[in-house]
PDB file of all heavy atoms in Angstrom:
ATOM      1  N   ASP A   1      94.998 111.431 102.000  1.00  0.00           N
ATOM      2  CA  ASP A   1      95.950 110.286 102.019  1.00  0.00           C
ATOM      3  C   ASP A   1      96.611 110.175 100.634  1.00  0.00           C
ATOM      4  O   ASP A   1      97.818 109.889 100.568  1.00  0.00           O
ATOM      5  CB  ASP A   1      95.259 108.987 102.381  1.00  0.00           C
ATOM      6  CG  ASP A   1      95.034 108.837 103.878  1.00  0.00           C
ATOM      7  OD1 ASP A   1      95.448 109.803 104.650  1.00  0.00           O
ATOM      8  OD2 ASP A   1      94.441 107.830 104.281  1.00  0.00           O
ATOM      9  N   TYR A   2      95.840 110.375  99.586  1.00  0.00           N
ATOM     10  CA  TYR A   2      96.420 110.402  98.233  1.00  0.00           C
ATOM     11  C   TYR A   2      95.467 111.141  97.362  1.00  0.00           C
ATOM     12  O   TYR A   2      94.240 111.129  97.551  1.00  0.00           O
ATOM     13  CB  TYR A   2      96.765 109.012  97.713  1.00  0.00           C
ATOM     14  CG  TYR A   2      95.648 108.026  97.714  1.00  0.00           C
ATOM     15  CD1 TYR A   2      94.651 108.043  96.720  1.00  0.00           C
ATOM     16  CD2 TYR A   2      95.530 107.039  98.719  1.00  0.00           C
ATOM     17  CE1 TYR A   2      93.668 107.112  96.694  1.00  0.00           C
ATOM     18  CE2 TYR A   2      94.541 106.136  98.672  1.00  0.00           C
ATOM     19  CZ  TYR A   2      93.590 106.146  97.674  1.00  0.00           C
ATOM     20  OH  TYR A   2      92.525 105.307  97.691  1.00  0.00           O
ATOM     21  N   PHE A   3      95.954 111.715  96.322  1.00  0.00           N
ATOM     22  CA  PHE A   3      95.238 112.314  95.203  1.00  0.00           C
ATOM     23  C   PHE A   3      96.074 112.179  93.954  1.00  0.00           C
ATOM     24  O   PHE A   3      97.112 112.920  93.843  1.00  0.00           O
ATOM     25  CB  PHE A   3      94.853 113.778  95.496  1.00  0.00           C
ATOM     26  CG  PHE A   3      93.859 114.347  94.528  1.00  0.00           C
ATOM     27  CD1 PHE A   3      92.520 114.472  94.893  1.00  0.00           C
ATOM     28  CD2 PHE A   3      94.174 114.716  93.207  1.00  0.00           C
ATOM     29  CE1 PHE A   3      91.587 114.954  94.046  1.00  0.00           C
ATOM     30  CE2 PHE A   3      93.264 115.192  92.317  1.00  0.00           C
ATOM     31  CZ  PHE A   3      91.941 115.311  92.708  1.00  0.00           C
ATOM     32  N   ASN A   4      95.733 111.276  93.047  1.00  0.00           N
ATOM     33  CA  ASN A   4      96.524 111.002  91.903  1.00  0.00           C
ATOM     34  C   ASN A   4      95.668 111.211  90.598  1.00  0.00           C
ATOM     35  O   ASN A   4      94.442 111.009  90.656  1.00  0.00           O
ATOM     36  CB  ASN A   4      97.009 109.521  91.873  1.00  0.00           C
ATOM     37  CG  ASN A   4      97.650 109.162  93.176  1.00  0.00           C
ATOM     38  OD1 ASN A   4      98.313 109.927  93.819  1.00  0.00           O
ATOM     39  ND2 ASN A   4      97.365 107.923  93.606  1.00  0.00           N
ATOM     40  N   VAL A   5      96.254 111.616  89.525  1.00  0.00           N
ATOM     41  CA  VAL A   5      95.533 111.797  88.316  1.00  0.00           C
ATOM     42  C   VAL A   5      96.320 111.077  87.149  1.00  0.00           C
ATOM     43  O   VAL A   5      97.478 111.391  86.950  1.00  0.00           O
ATOM     44  CB  VAL A   5      95.352 113.301  87.940  1.00  0.00           C
ATOM     45  CG1 VAL A   5      94.557 113.402  86.643  1.00  0.00           C
ATOM     46  CG2 VAL A   5      94.641 114.044  89.058  1.00  0.00           C
ATOM     47  N   ASP A   6      95.637 110.181  86.463  1.00  0.00           N
ATOM     48  CA  ASP A   6      96.172 109.504  85.304  1.00  0.00           C
ATOM     49  C   ASP A   6      95.778 110.233  84.035  1.00  0.00           C
ATOM     50  O   ASP A   6      94.626 110.572  83.901  1.00  0.00           O
ATOM     51  CB  ASP A   6      95.663 108.036  85.249  1.00  0.00           C
ATOM     52  CG  ASP A   6      96.083 107.222  86.438  1.00  0.00           C
ATOM     53  OD1 ASP A   6      97.165 107.460  87.012  1.00  0.00           O
ATOM     54  OD2 ASP A   6      95.288 106.319  86.827  1.00  0.00           O
ATOM     55  N   PHE A   7      96.743 110.444  83.135  1.00  0.00           N
ATOM     56  CA  PHE A   7      96.461 110.926  81.822  1.00  0.00           C
ATOM     57  C   PHE A   7      96.832 109.862  80.789  1.00  0.00           C
ATOM     58  O   PHE A   7      98.035 109.607  80.597  1.00  0.00           O
ATOM     59  CB  PHE A   7      97.241 112.217  81.545  1.00  0.00           C
ATOM     60  CG  PHE A   7      96.947 113.344  82.549  1.00  0.00           C
ATOM     61  CD1 PHE A   7      97.594 113.438  83.744  1.00  0.00           C
ATOM     62  CD2 PHE A   7      95.934 114.277  82.186  1.00  0.00           C
ATOM     63  CE1 PHE A   7      97.313 114.511  84.584  1.00  0.00           C
ATOM     64  CE2 PHE A   7      95.669 115.341  83.089  1.00  0.00           C
ATOM     65  CZ  PHE A   7      96.338 115.414  84.321  1.00  0.00           C
ATOM     66  N   LEU A   8      95.796 109.172  80.254  1.00  0.00           N
ATOM     67  CA  LEU A   8      96.083 107.934  79.560  1.00  0.00           C
ATOM     68  C   LEU A   8      95.555 107.975  78.086  1.00  0.00           C
ATOM     69  O   LEU A   8      94.558 108.636  77.817  1.00  0.00           O
ATOM     70  CB  LEU A   8      95.392 106.776  80.251  1.00  0.00           C
ATOM     71  CG  LEU A   8      95.799 106.567  81.722  1.00  0.00           C
ATOM     72  CD1 LEU A   8      94.892 105.514  82.349  1.00  0.00           C
ATOM     73  CD2 LEU A   8      97.242 106.195  81.863  1.00  0.00           C
ATOM     74  N   ARG A   9      96.262 107.262  77.228  1.00  0.00           N
ATOM     75  CA  ARG A   9      95.768 106.942  75.916  1.00  0.00           C
ATOM     76  C   ARG A   9      95.076 105.604  75.955  1.00  0.00           C
ATOM     77  O   ARG A   9      95.590 104.639  76.644  1.00  0.00           O
ATOM     78  CB  ARG A   9      96.952 106.869  74.914  1.00  0.00           C
ATOM     79  CG  ARG A   9      96.535 106.909  73.466  1.00  0.00           C
ATOM     80  CD  ARG A   9      95.896 108.215  73.083  1.00  0.00           C
ATOM     81  NE  ARG A   9      95.659 108.298  71.634  1.00  0.00           N
ATOM     82  CZ  ARG A   9      94.905 109.228  71.085  1.00  0.00           C
ATOM     83  NH1 ARG A   9      94.324 110.180  71.811  1.00  0.00           N
ATOM     84  NH2 ARG A   9      94.761 109.254  69.748  1.00  0.00           N
ATOM     85  N   GLN A  10      93.935 105.412  75.310  1.00  0.00           N
ATOM     86  CA  GLN A  10      93.153 104.240  75.471  1.00  0.00           C
ATOM     87  C   GLN A  10      92.902 103.628  74.039  1.00  0.00           C
ATOM     88  O   GLN A  10      92.513 104.323  73.124  1.00  0.00           O
ATOM     89  CB  GLN A  10      91.828 104.595  76.091  1.00  0.00           C
ATOM     90  CG  GLN A  10      90.818 103.434  76.294  1.00  0.00           C
ATOM     91  CD  GLN A  10      89.467 103.933  76.630  1.00  0.00           C
ATOM     92  OE1 GLN A  10      88.688 104.204  75.764  1.00  0.00           O
ATOM     93  NE2 GLN A  10      89.114 103.953  77.903  1.00  0.00           N
ATOM     94  N   ARG A  11      93.141 102.328  73.962  1.00  0.00           N
ATOM     95  CA  ARG A  11      92.818 101.653  72.718  1.00  0.00           C
ATOM     96  C   ARG A  11      91.935 100.455  73.072  1.00  0.00           C
ATOM     97  O   ARG A  11      92.246  99.639  73.909  1.00  0.00           O
ATOM     98  CB  ARG A  11      94.127 101.120  72.019  1.00  0.00           C
ATOM     99  CG  ARG A  11      93.816 100.269  70.777  1.00  0.00           C
ATOM    100  CD  ARG A  11      95.070  99.895  70.051  1.00  0.00           C
ATOM    101  NE  ARG A  11      95.747 101.048  69.439  1.00  0.00           N
ATOM    102  CZ  ARG A  11      95.398 101.554  68.269  1.00  0.00           C
ATOM    103  NH1 ARG A  11      94.457 101.024  67.562  1.00  0.00           N
ATOM    104  NH2 ARG A  11      96.107 102.607  67.817  1.00  0.00           N
ATOM    105  N   ILE A  12      90.802 100.327  72.350  1.00  0.00           N
ATOM    106  CA  ILE A  12      89.851  99.284  72.629  1.00  0.00           C
ATOM    107  C   ILE A  12      89.755  98.362  71.450  1.00  0.00           C
ATOM    108  O   ILE A  12      89.754  98.795  70.288  1.00  0.00           O
ATOM    109  CB  ILE A  12      88.429  99.901  72.916  1.00  0.00           C
ATOM    110  CG1 ILE A  12      88.466 100.633  74.287  1.00  0.00           C
ATOM    111  CG2 ILE A  12      87.377  98.801  72.976  1.00  0.00           C
ATOM    112  CD1 ILE A  12      87.131 101.194  74.643  1.00  0.00           C
ATOM    113  N   THR A  13      89.731  97.032  71.745  1.00  0.00           N
ATOM    114  CA  THR A  13      89.510  96.027  70.761  1.00  0.00           C
ATOM    115  C   THR A  13      88.292  95.207  71.132  1.00  0.00           C
ATOM    116  O   THR A  13      88.162  94.776  72.282  1.00  0.00           O
ATOM    117  CB  THR A  13      90.752  95.115  70.602  1.00  0.00           C
ATOM    118  OG1 THR A  13      91.053  94.526  71.830  1.00  0.00           O
ATOM    119  CG2 THR A  13      91.926  95.940  70.120  1.00  0.00           C
ATOM    120  N   GLU A  14      87.396  94.974  70.149  1.00  0.00           N
ATOM    121  CA  GLU A  14      86.290  94.092  70.346  1.00  0.00           C
ATOM    122  C   GLU A  14      86.285  93.110  69.220  1.00  0.00           C
ATOM    123  O   GLU A  14      87.215  92.255  69.149  1.00  0.00           O
ATOM    124  CB  GLU A  14      85.006  94.908  70.466  1.00  0.00           C
ATOM    125  CG  GLU A  14      84.930  95.824  71.664  1.00  0.00           C
ATOM    126  CD  GLU A  14      83.638  96.585  71.807  1.00  0.00           C
ATOM    127  OE1 GLU A  14      82.776  96.530  70.900  1.00  0.00           O
ATOM    128  OE2 GLU A  14      83.448  97.250  72.878  1.00  0.00           O
ATOM    129  N   THR A  15      85.322  93.124  68.336  1.00  0.00           N
ATOM    130  CA  THR A  15      85.405  92.256  67.150  1.00  0.00           C
ATOM    131  C   THR A  15      86.523  92.689  66.221  1.00  0.00           C
ATOM    132  O   THR A  15      87.028  91.957  65.394  1.00  0.00           O
ATOM    133  CB  THR A  15      84.099  92.206  66.418  1.00  0.00           C
ATOM    134  OG1 THR A  15      83.685  93.566  66.129  1.00  0.00           O
ATOM    135  CG2 THR A  15      82.989  91.561  67.255  1.00  0.00           C
ATOM    136  N   GLU A  16      86.911  94.002  66.416  1.00  0.00           N
ATOM    137  CA  GLU A  16      88.012  94.565  65.599  1.00  0.00           C
ATOM    138  C   GLU A  16      88.657  95.660  66.405  1.00  0.00           C
ATOM    139  O   GLU A  16      88.196  96.034  67.505  1.00  0.00           O
ATOM    140  CB  GLU A  16      87.452  95.139  64.288  1.00  0.00           C
ATOM    141  CG  GLU A  16      86.425  96.206  64.475  1.00  0.00           C
ATOM    142  CD  GLU A  16      85.817  96.723  63.209  1.00  0.00           C
ATOM    143  OE1 GLU A  16      86.090  96.052  62.141  1.00  0.00           O
ATOM    144  OE2 GLU A  16      85.111  97.674  63.205  1.00  0.00           O
ATOM    145  N   ASP A  17      89.756  96.194  65.909  1.00  0.00           N
ATOM    146  CA  ASP A  17      90.427  97.242  66.590  1.00  0.00           C
ATOM    147  C   ASP A  17      89.647  98.555  66.344  1.00  0.00           C
ATOM    148  O   ASP A  17      89.590  99.046  65.242  1.00  0.00           O
ATOM    149  CB  ASP A  17      91.869  97.431  66.029  1.00  0.00           C
ATOM    150  CG  ASP A  17      92.731  98.346  66.914  1.00  0.00           C
ATOM    151  OD1 ASP A  17      92.138  99.240  67.574  1.00  0.00           O
ATOM    152  OD2 ASP A  17      93.956  98.222  66.929  1.00  0.00           O
ATOM    153  N   ILE A  18      89.053  99.088  67.395  1.00  0.00           N
ATOM    154  CA  ILE A  18      88.166 100.224  67.233  1.00  0.00           C
ATOM    155  C   ILE A  18      88.964 101.503  67.099  1.00  0.00           C
ATOM    156  O   ILE A  18      88.616 102.493  66.440  1.00  0.00           O
ATOM    157  CB  ILE A  18      87.212 100.331  68.470  1.00  0.00           C
ATOM    158  CG1 ILE A  18      86.195  99.123  68.403  1.00  0.00           C
ATOM    159  CG2 ILE A  18      86.498 101.652  68.435  1.00  0.00           C
ATOM    160  CD1 ILE A  18      85.384  99.056  69.600  1.00  0.00           C
ATOM    161  N   GLY A  19      90.184 101.589  67.757  1.00  0.00           N
ATOM    162  CA  GLY A  19      90.965 102.773  67.675  1.00  0.00           C
ATOM    163  C   GLY A  19      91.268 103.348  69.050  1.00  0.00           C
ATOM    164  O   GLY A  19      91.041 102.710  70.081  1.00  0.00           O
ATOM    165  N   THR A  20      91.840 104.574  69.053  1.00  0.00           N
ATOM    166  CA  THR A  20      92.301 105.170  70.259  1.00  0.00           C
ATOM    167  C   THR A  20      91.446 106.337  70.688  1.00  0.00           C
ATOM    168  O   THR A  20      90.776 106.944  69.918  1.00  0.00           O
ATOM    169  CB  THR A  20      93.766 105.608  70.147  1.00  0.00           C
ATOM    170  OG1 THR A  20      93.822 106.582  69.087  1.00  0.00           O
ATOM    171  CG2 THR A  20      94.655 104.445  69.844  1.00  0.00           C
ATOM    172  N   SER A  21      91.529 106.615  71.992  1.00  0.00           N
ATOM    173  CA  SER A  21      90.928 107.794  72.551  1.00  0.00           C
ATOM    174  C   SER A  21      91.756 108.191  73.780  1.00  0.00           C
ATOM    175  O   SER A  21      92.898 107.692  73.924  1.00  0.00           O
ATOM    176  CB  SER A  21      89.445 107.530  72.933  1.00  0.00           C
ATOM    177  OG  SER A  21      88.848 108.724  73.453  1.00  0.00           O
ATOM    178  N   TRP A  22      91.255 109.125  74.589  1.00  0.00           N
ATOM    179  CA  TRP A  22      91.985 109.535  75.756  1.00  0.00           C
ATOM    180  C   TRP A  22      91.130 109.296  77.022  1.00  0.00           C
ATOM    181  O   TRP A  22      89.901 109.154  76.901  1.00  0.00           O
ATOM    182  CB  TRP A  22      92.372 110.995  75.663  1.00  0.00           C
ATOM    183  CG  TRP A  22      91.194 111.881  75.422  1.00  0.00           C
ATOM    184  CD1 TRP A  22      90.805 112.379  74.203  1.00  0.00           C
ATOM    185  CD2 TRP A  22      90.260 112.462  76.366  1.00  0.00           C
ATOM    186  NE1 TRP A  22      89.675 113.136  74.297  1.00  0.00           N
ATOM    187  CE2 TRP A  22      89.315 113.267  75.627  1.00  0.00           C
ATOM    188  CE3 TRP A  22      90.130 112.375  77.733  1.00  0.00           C
ATOM    189  CZ2 TRP A  22      88.298 113.909  76.226  1.00  0.00           C
ATOM    190  CZ3 TRP A  22      89.084 113.045  78.361  1.00  0.00           C
ATOM    191  CH2 TRP A  22      88.199 113.818  77.638  1.00  0.00           C
ATOM    192  N   GLN A  23      91.777 109.191  78.144  1.00  0.00           N
ATOM    193  CA  GLN A  23      91.079 109.000  79.430  1.00  0.00           C
ATOM    194  C   GLN A  23      91.845 109.775  80.506  1.00  0.00           C
ATOM    195  O   GLN A  23      93.073 109.606  80.621  1.00  0.00           O
ATOM    196  CB  GLN A  23      91.002 107.553  79.775  1.00  0.00           C
ATOM    197  CG  GLN A  23      90.327 107.255  81.116  1.00  0.00           C
ATOM    198  CD  GLN A  23      90.140 105.722  81.379  1.00  0.00           C
ATOM    199  OE1 GLN A  23      89.707 105.006  80.511  1.00  0.00           O
ATOM    200  NE2 GLN A  23      90.480 105.319  82.546  1.00  0.00           N
ATOM    201  N   ILE A  24      91.165 110.494  81.319  1.00  0.00           N
ATOM    202  CA  ILE A  24      91.697 111.233  82.453  1.00  0.00           C
ATOM    203  C   ILE A  24      91.011 110.681  83.710  1.00  0.00           C
ATOM    204  O   ILE A  24      89.746 110.711  83.791  1.00  0.00           O
ATOM    205  CB  ILE A  24      91.561 112.743  82.361  1.00  0.00           C
ATOM    206  CG1 ILE A  24      92.262 113.289  81.101  1.00  0.00           C
ATOM    207  CG2 ILE A  24      92.114 113.419  83.609  1.00  0.00           C
ATOM    208  CD1 ILE A  24      92.040 114.760  80.834  1.00  0.00           C
ATOM    209  N   THR A  25      91.797 110.201  84.646  1.00  0.00           N
ATOM    210  CA  THR A  25      91.224 109.523  85.869  1.00  0.00           C
ATOM    211  C   THR A  25      91.808 110.081  87.122  1.00  0.00           C
ATOM    212  O   THR A  25      92.942 109.732  87.450  1.00  0.00           O
ATOM    213  CB  THR A  25      91.428 108.054  85.786  1.00  0.00           C
ATOM    214  OG1 THR A  25      90.782 107.513  84.621  1.00  0.00           O
ATOM    215  CG2 THR A  25      90.817 107.311  87.037  1.00  0.00           C
ATOM    216  N   PRO A  26      91.113 110.939  87.901  1.00  0.00           N
ATOM    217  CA  PRO A  26      91.527 111.285  89.236  1.00  0.00           C
ATOM    218  C   PRO A  26      91.076 110.215  90.237  1.00  0.00           C
ATOM    219  O   PRO A  26      90.021 109.618  90.118  1.00  0.00           O
ATOM    220  CB  PRO A  26      90.835 112.588  89.480  1.00  0.00           C
ATOM    221  CG  PRO A  26      89.669 112.596  88.648  1.00  0.00           C
ATOM    222  CD  PRO A  26      89.975 111.761  87.424  1.00  0.00           C
ATOM    223  N   VAL A  27      91.956 109.858  91.201  1.00  0.00           N
ATOM    224  CA  VAL A  27      91.696 108.951  92.235  1.00  0.00           C
ATOM    225  C   VAL A  27      92.051 109.560  93.553  1.00  0.00           C
ATOM    226  O   VAL A  27      93.128 110.231  93.658  1.00  0.00           O
ATOM    227  CB  VAL A  27      92.544 107.638  92.080  1.00  0.00           C
ATOM    228  CG1 VAL A  27      92.178 106.599  93.156  1.00  0.00           C
ATOM    229  CG2 VAL A  27      92.299 107.067  90.668  1.00  0.00           C
ATOM    230  N   TRP A  28      91.248 109.444  94.586  1.00  0.00           N
ATOM    231  CA  TRP A  28      91.528 110.143  95.839  1.00  0.00           C
ATOM    232  C   TRP A  28      91.053 109.427  97.054  1.00  0.00           C
ATOM    233  O   TRP A  28      90.200 108.511  96.994  1.00  0.00           O
ATOM    234  CB  TRP A  28      90.825 111.520  95.791  1.00  0.00           C
ATOM    235  CG  TRP A  28      89.300 111.401  95.867  1.00  0.00           C
ATOM    236  CD1 TRP A  28      88.533 111.386  97.014  1.00  0.00           C
ATOM    237  CD2 TRP A  28      88.399 111.246  94.761  1.00  0.00           C
ATOM    238  NE1 TRP A  28      87.212 111.223  96.648  1.00  0.00           N
ATOM    239  CE2 TRP A  28      87.073 111.174  95.328  1.00  0.00           C
ATOM    240  CE3 TRP A  28      88.545 111.217  93.373  1.00  0.00           C
ATOM    241  CZ2 TRP A  28      85.962 111.016  94.512  1.00  0.00           C
ATOM    242  CZ3 TRP A  28      87.428 111.083  92.594  1.00  0.00           C
ATOM    243  CH2 TRP A  28      86.201 110.993  93.152  1.00  0.00           C
ATOM    244  N   LYS A  29      91.568 109.835  98.216  1.00  0.00           N
ATOM    245  CA  LYS A  29      91.103 109.335  99.498  1.00  0.00           C
ATOM    246  C   LYS A  29      91.277 110.462 100.558  1.00  0.00           C
ATOM    247  O   LYS A  29      92.392 110.968 100.743  1.00  0.00           O
ATOM    248  CB  LYS A  29      91.823 108.055  99.994  1.00  0.00           C
ATOM    249  CG  LYS A  29      91.392 107.547 101.321  1.00  0.00           C
ATOM    250  CD  LYS A  29      92.113 106.302 101.748  1.00  0.00           C
ATOM    251  CE  LYS A  29      91.719 105.814 103.110  1.00  0.00           C
ATOM    252  NZ  LYS A  29      92.405 104.583 103.519  1.00  0.00           N
ATOM    253  N   LEU A  30      90.166 110.884 101.186  1.00  0.00           N
ATOM    254  CA  LEU A  30      90.163 111.958 102.148  1.00  0.00           C
ATOM    255  C   LEU A  30      89.620 111.453 103.472  1.00  0.00           C
ATOM    256  O   LEU A  30      88.385 111.296 103.558  1.00  0.00           O
ATOM    257  CB  LEU A  30      89.379 113.162 101.611  1.00  0.00           C
ATOM    258  CG  LEU A  30      89.208 114.380 102.573  1.00  0.00           C
ATOM    259  CD1 LEU A  30      90.601 114.998 102.853  1.00  0.00           C
ATOM    260  CD2 LEU A  30      88.252 115.358 102.013  1.00  0.00           C
TER     261      LEU A  30
END
């Protein structure tokens, strides 16, 4: 029904700005 892939830059903040990383997320329904 769908198969999508996200290629994302990720920035996390907690008590301070931790910085950036990357994230790849496939999503699907069969």
